[in-house]
Structures are given as C-alpha cells and as structure tokens.
Amino acid sequence: MRLVRQIVFHARLNETQPAIIFSGGIASYGALVRAMAAAAELIDHLALAKGAMVMLDVLNPFHHCALMLTLGLVGIPSASVSSAFSVEKSGVLPTVLLTDRPN
C-alpha cells in the first residue's frame, strides 16, 4: 500500500511523465491515476470486502497494473493468473475473478 500511495503522490508532481511502458505503448502517471480511479469505481460497485481474494486475468498490461495497484490501495489482495484453469489449479478460492477475455 505504501508503494501505491507513493505512485499517487508522484503522479501529482509528474502527471505527464511516463509511468508504465508496455508493448501497447507508454502510459503517463496521469493516465495511470485516472485508470486507478476507474478501477476504484469498479471495486466499489462490486462491493468487495477488505480481505476478499481477487484473481486477475486481464490481458491488457496497463489495465492489469491499474487494477492490481488499486486493489492493493484499498486492502484487497490479488493474484495474477493466465486462465480459469490456473485459478482452479492454484487451490485458492477467489471471491471474484476479473478478466477482459471474451466469453
């Protein structure tokens, strides 16, 4: 959580500076914080309790990172997985699996 707060603080001072470089491009700190705000709305809408386990199967690395950071900021643990099969194989029963894969 301290890391995420540091990122948000840094974003206030350096909104246009690159925060994440990935195969799809470069995202600024401002874009990251806006994506985190959108992720916070999703988390609020899902009414996830603190301590709920969330599995992330999000192919877009920028959105994946924003979700992971936001979940950490609000005290919800998350794990990155590559498919529903790996969720089952992990032996961990998640509260929710968030994915951007088509059905």
Protein backbone atom coordinates (compact mmCIF):
# COMPACT_ATOMS: atom_id res chain seq x y z
CA MET A 1 0.00 0.00 0.00
CA ARG A 2 2.89 2.37 0.69
CA LEU A 3 4.15 1.86 -2.87
CA VAL A 4 0.75 2.75 -4.32
CA ARG A 5 0.50 5.89 -2.20
CA GLN A 6 3.96 6.88 -3.41
CA ILE A 7 2.86 6.40 -7.03
CA VAL A 8 -0.21 8.59 -6.48
CA PHE A 9 1.94 11.27 -4.81
CA HIS A 10 4.45 11.12 -7.67
CA ALA A 11 1.60 11.43 -10.19
CA ARG A 12 0.55 14.76 -8.68
CA LEU A 13 4.01 16.17 -9.37
CA ASN A 14 4.69 14.45 -12.70
CA GLU A 15 1.33 13.85 -14.38
CA THR A 16 2.70 13.82 -17.94
CA GLN A 17 5.81 11.73 -17.22
CA PRO A 18 5.88 8.05 -18.29
CA ALA A 19 4.73 5.68 -15.54
CA ILE A 20 4.35 2.39 -17.39
CA ILE A 21 5.95 1.26 -20.63
CA PHE A 22 4.39 -1.83 -22.16
CA SER A 23 4.04 -3.47 -25.56
CA GLY A 24 0.99 -1.32 -26.35
CA GLY A 25 2.69 1.99 -25.64
CA ILE A 26 3.54 4.34 -22.82
CA ALA A 27 1.13 5.43 -20.09
CA SER A 28 1.70 8.61 -18.10
CA TYR A 29 1.26 8.93 -14.36
CA GLY A 30 -1.88 10.95 -15.03
CA ALA A 31 -3.34 8.15 -17.17
CA LEU A 32 -2.41 5.61 -14.51
CA VAL A 33 -4.13 7.55 -11.74
CA ARG A 34 -7.25 8.04 -13.90
CA ALA A 35 -7.31 4.30 -14.63
CA MET A 36 -6.94 3.62 -10.91
CA ALA A 37 -9.91 5.92 -10.22
CA ALA A 38 -11.98 3.94 -12.74
CA ALA A 39 -10.83 0.69 -11.12
CA ALA A 40 -11.85 2.06 -7.70
CA GLU A 41 -15.36 2.66 -9.04
CA LEU A 42 -15.50 -0.93 -10.30
CA ILE A 43 -14.32 -2.26 -6.94
CA ASP A 44 -16.88 -0.09 -5.15
CA HIS A 45 -19.62 -1.33 -7.50
CA LEU A 46 -18.67 -4.96 -6.79
CA ALA A 47 -18.87 -4.23 -3.04
CA LEU A 48 -15.74 -6.26 -2.34
CA ALA A 49 -14.95 -6.56 1.34
CA LYS A 50 -11.47 -5.90 2.67
CA GLY A 51 -9.59 -9.18 2.57
CA ALA A 52 -11.63 -10.64 -0.29
CA MET A 53 -9.37 -12.54 -2.71
CA VAL A 54 -9.43 -11.26 -6.29
CA MET A 55 -7.86 -13.11 -9.20
CA LEU A 56 -6.87 -11.00 -12.21
CA ASP A 57 -6.88 -12.43 -15.72
CA VAL A 58 -6.53 -9.13 -17.57
CA LEU A 59 -4.60 -9.26 -20.83
CA ASN A 60 -4.06 -5.51 -21.18
CA PRO A 61 -0.95 -4.86 -19.06
CA PHE A 62 -1.91 -1.25 -18.33
CA HIS A 63 -5.38 -2.16 -17.04
CA HIS A 64 -3.94 -5.15 -15.18
CA CYS A 65 -1.45 -2.91 -13.39
CA ALA A 66 -4.09 -0.27 -12.56
CA LEU A 67 -6.41 -2.92 -11.09
CA MET A 68 -3.64 -4.55 -9.08
CA LEU A 69 -2.45 -1.23 -7.64
CA THR A 70 -5.98 -0.08 -6.79
CA LEU A 71 -6.84 -3.35 -5.09
CA GLY A 72 -3.69 -3.04 -3.00
CA LEU A 73 -4.53 0.53 -2.09
CA VAL A 74 -7.91 -0.46 -0.67
CA GLY A 75 -6.56 -3.54 1.12
CA ILE A 76 -7.83 -6.27 -1.17
CA PRO A 77 -5.28 -8.97 -2.04
CA SER A 78 -5.00 -10.01 -5.67
CA ALA A 79 -3.17 -12.60 -7.71
CA SER A 80 -2.44 -12.61 -11.42
CA VAL A 81 -3.46 -15.70 -13.34
CA SER A 82 -3.42 -16.63 -17.01
CA SER A 83 -6.63 -18.63 -17.26
CA ALA A 84 -9.52 -20.06 -15.28
CA PHE A 85 -7.62 -23.36 -15.23
CA SER A 86 -4.74 -21.87 -13.27
CA VAL A 87 -7.23 -20.46 -10.77
CA GLU A 88 -8.60 -23.95 -10.16
CA LYS A 89 -5.12 -25.46 -10.03
CA SER A 90 -3.89 -22.85 -7.52
CA GLY A 91 -6.13 -24.24 -4.80
CA VAL A 92 -7.14 -20.71 -3.80
CA LEU A 93 -10.83 -19.94 -3.91
CA PRO A 94 -11.14 -16.33 -5.09
CA THR A 95 -14.06 -14.14 -4.18
CA VAL A 96 -14.09 -12.86 -7.75
CA LEU A 97 -12.18 -13.36 -10.99
CA LEU A 98 -11.79 -10.16 -13.05
CA THR A 99 -11.00 -10.70 -16.71
CA ASP A 100 -11.07 -8.87 -20.00
CA ARG A 101 -11.26 -12.06 -22.05
CA PRO A 102 -14.36 -12.59 -24.19
CA ASN A 103 -16.73 -15.32 -23.02
